[in-house]
Amino acid sequence: MLRQRAVPLRPDWEAVVTPVVDFAVGIPEVDQKHMVLIGRSFGGYLAPRAAALEHRLAAVIADPGQFDEFDLAMARMPQEIREAIEQDDPKVDSFLEKMVQDDARGASS
């Protein structure tokens, strides 16, 4: 969102949950006494913050999906680039810049 649409993550993200709960309680099929907030990945961090302020939730599930982003990214890189990264080779910067440019072009189409 930030890179492709210039929409930053608001610092008080937990504030967005209360309007969602307000909306949900107006739906007849929603059991207000058993509402659960589930946060996955970064939401595993954000959901407990929201639940600390939104007392109408019966439970919160935090699944942070912890893994090493660097290892995942390195596994997808061509061998030549992995070696360049490990050796702090300056050609890595031009490779990464090209990736960002290609991604930005794809997002605008």
Protein backbone atom coordinates (compact mmCIF):
# COMPACT_ATOMS: atom_id res chain seq x y z
CA MET A 1 0.00 0.00 0.00
CA LEU A 2 2.74 2.47 0.90
CA ARG A 3 5.04 1.81 -2.02
CA GLN A 4 2.47 1.36 -4.76
CA ARG A 5 -0.37 3.63 -3.58
CA ALA A 6 1.35 5.98 -1.13
CA VAL A 7 -1.09 4.97 1.64
CA PRO A 8 0.77 4.73 4.97
CA LEU A 9 -0.15 2.45 7.86
CA ARG A 10 -1.83 4.63 10.44
CA PRO A 11 -0.04 4.62 13.80
CA ASP A 12 -3.27 3.98 15.71
CA TRP A 13 -4.41 1.05 13.56
CA GLU A 14 -6.33 -0.41 16.50
CA ALA A 15 -8.80 2.47 16.10
CA VAL A 16 -10.17 0.92 12.90
CA VAL A 17 -11.53 -2.13 14.72
CA THR A 18 -14.20 -0.31 16.76
CA PRO A 19 -16.08 0.96 13.66
CA VAL A 20 -15.97 -2.57 12.24
CA VAL A 21 -17.41 -3.98 15.47
CA ASP A 22 -20.02 -1.20 15.47
CA PHE A 23 -21.06 -2.32 12.00
CA ALA A 24 -21.02 -6.02 12.91
CA VAL A 25 -23.29 -5.63 15.93
CA GLY A 26 -25.93 -4.17 13.62
CA ILE A 27 -26.08 -7.40 11.60
CA PRO A 28 -28.82 -9.68 12.98
CA GLU A 29 -26.85 -12.87 12.23
CA VAL A 30 -23.86 -11.74 14.32
CA ASP A 31 -23.74 -13.16 17.85
CA GLN A 32 -22.49 -10.09 19.72
CA LYS A 33 -21.41 -12.10 22.76
CA HIS A 34 -19.10 -14.35 20.72
CA MET A 35 -17.25 -12.01 18.35
CA VAL A 36 -13.63 -13.00 17.77
CA LEU A 37 -10.87 -10.99 16.14
CA ILE A 38 -8.24 -13.00 14.28
CA GLY A 39 -4.95 -11.43 13.30
CA ARG A 40 -2.55 -13.27 11.00
CA SER A 41 0.97 -12.26 10.01
CA PHE A 42 1.43 -8.58 11.00
CA GLY A 43 -2.20 -8.75 12.12
CA GLY A 44 -0.93 -11.09 14.85
CA TYR A 45 0.66 -7.99 16.33
CA LEU A 46 -2.17 -5.59 15.51
CA ALA A 47 -5.11 -7.72 16.71
CA PRO A 48 -4.08 -7.84 20.40
CA ARG A 49 -3.55 -4.07 20.35
CA ALA A 50 -7.07 -3.62 19.01
CA ALA A 51 -8.53 -6.13 21.48
CA ALA A 52 -6.98 -4.20 24.36
CA LEU A 53 -9.23 -1.26 23.47
CA GLU A 54 -12.29 -3.00 22.01
CA HIS A 55 -14.01 -4.71 24.96
CA ARG A 56 -16.93 -6.16 23.00
CA LEU A 57 -14.70 -8.91 21.61
CA ALA A 58 -15.06 -12.29 23.28
CA ALA A 59 -11.63 -13.46 22.16
CA VAL A 60 -8.63 -12.60 20.05
CA ILE A 61 -6.41 -14.98 18.11
CA ALA A 62 -2.91 -13.77 17.33
CA ASP A 63 -1.10 -15.81 14.68
CA PRO A 64 2.00 -13.80 13.89
CA GLY A 65 3.29 -16.29 11.32
CA GLN A 66 6.85 -15.84 12.41
CA PHE A 67 9.41 -16.66 9.80
CA ASP A 68 12.61 -15.17 8.49
CA GLU A 69 11.77 -12.80 5.62
CA PHE A 70 15.42 -12.54 4.65
CA ASP A 71 15.81 -16.30 4.24
CA LEU A 72 12.62 -16.45 2.17
CA ALA A 73 13.78 -13.62 -0.08
CA MET A 74 17.26 -15.08 -0.49
CA ALA A 75 15.83 -18.45 -1.50
CA ARG A 76 14.04 -16.74 -4.41
CA MET A 77 17.09 -14.83 -5.64
CA PRO A 78 19.26 -16.12 -8.46
CA GLN A 79 22.51 -17.65 -7.19
CA GLU A 80 24.56 -14.80 -8.66
CA ILE A 81 22.55 -12.21 -6.74
CA ARG A 82 22.65 -14.21 -3.49
CA GLU A 83 26.44 -14.32 -3.71
CA ALA A 84 26.61 -10.61 -4.50
CA ILE A 85 24.43 -9.82 -1.46
CA GLU A 86 26.60 -11.96 0.78
CA GLN A 87 29.72 -10.17 -0.54
CA ASP A 88 28.08 -6.71 -0.26
CA ASP A 89 28.68 -6.17 -3.98
CA PRO A 90 27.43 -2.77 -5.26
CA LYS A 91 25.78 -4.39 -8.31
CA VAL A 92 23.06 -5.58 -5.94
CA ASP A 93 21.71 -2.03 -5.70
CA SER A 94 21.15 -1.75 -9.45
CA PHE A 95 19.50 -5.18 -9.51
CA LEU A 96 17.12 -4.23 -6.68
CA GLU A 97 16.36 -0.85 -8.27
CA LYS A 98 15.37 -2.63 -11.49
CA MET A 99 13.10 -4.98 -9.53
CA VAL A 100 11.34 -2.03 -7.87
CA GLN A 101 10.95 -0.22 -11.20
CA ASP A 102 9.53 -3.36 -12.85
CA ASP A 103 7.13 -3.83 -9.93
CA ALA A 104 6.02 -0.18 -10.07
CA ARG A 105 5.36 -0.45 -13.81
CA GLY A 106 3.30 -3.60 -13.23
CA ALA A 107 1.25 -1.93 -10.50
CA SER A 108 0.35 1.04 -12.67
CA SER A 109 -0.91 -1.05 -15.57
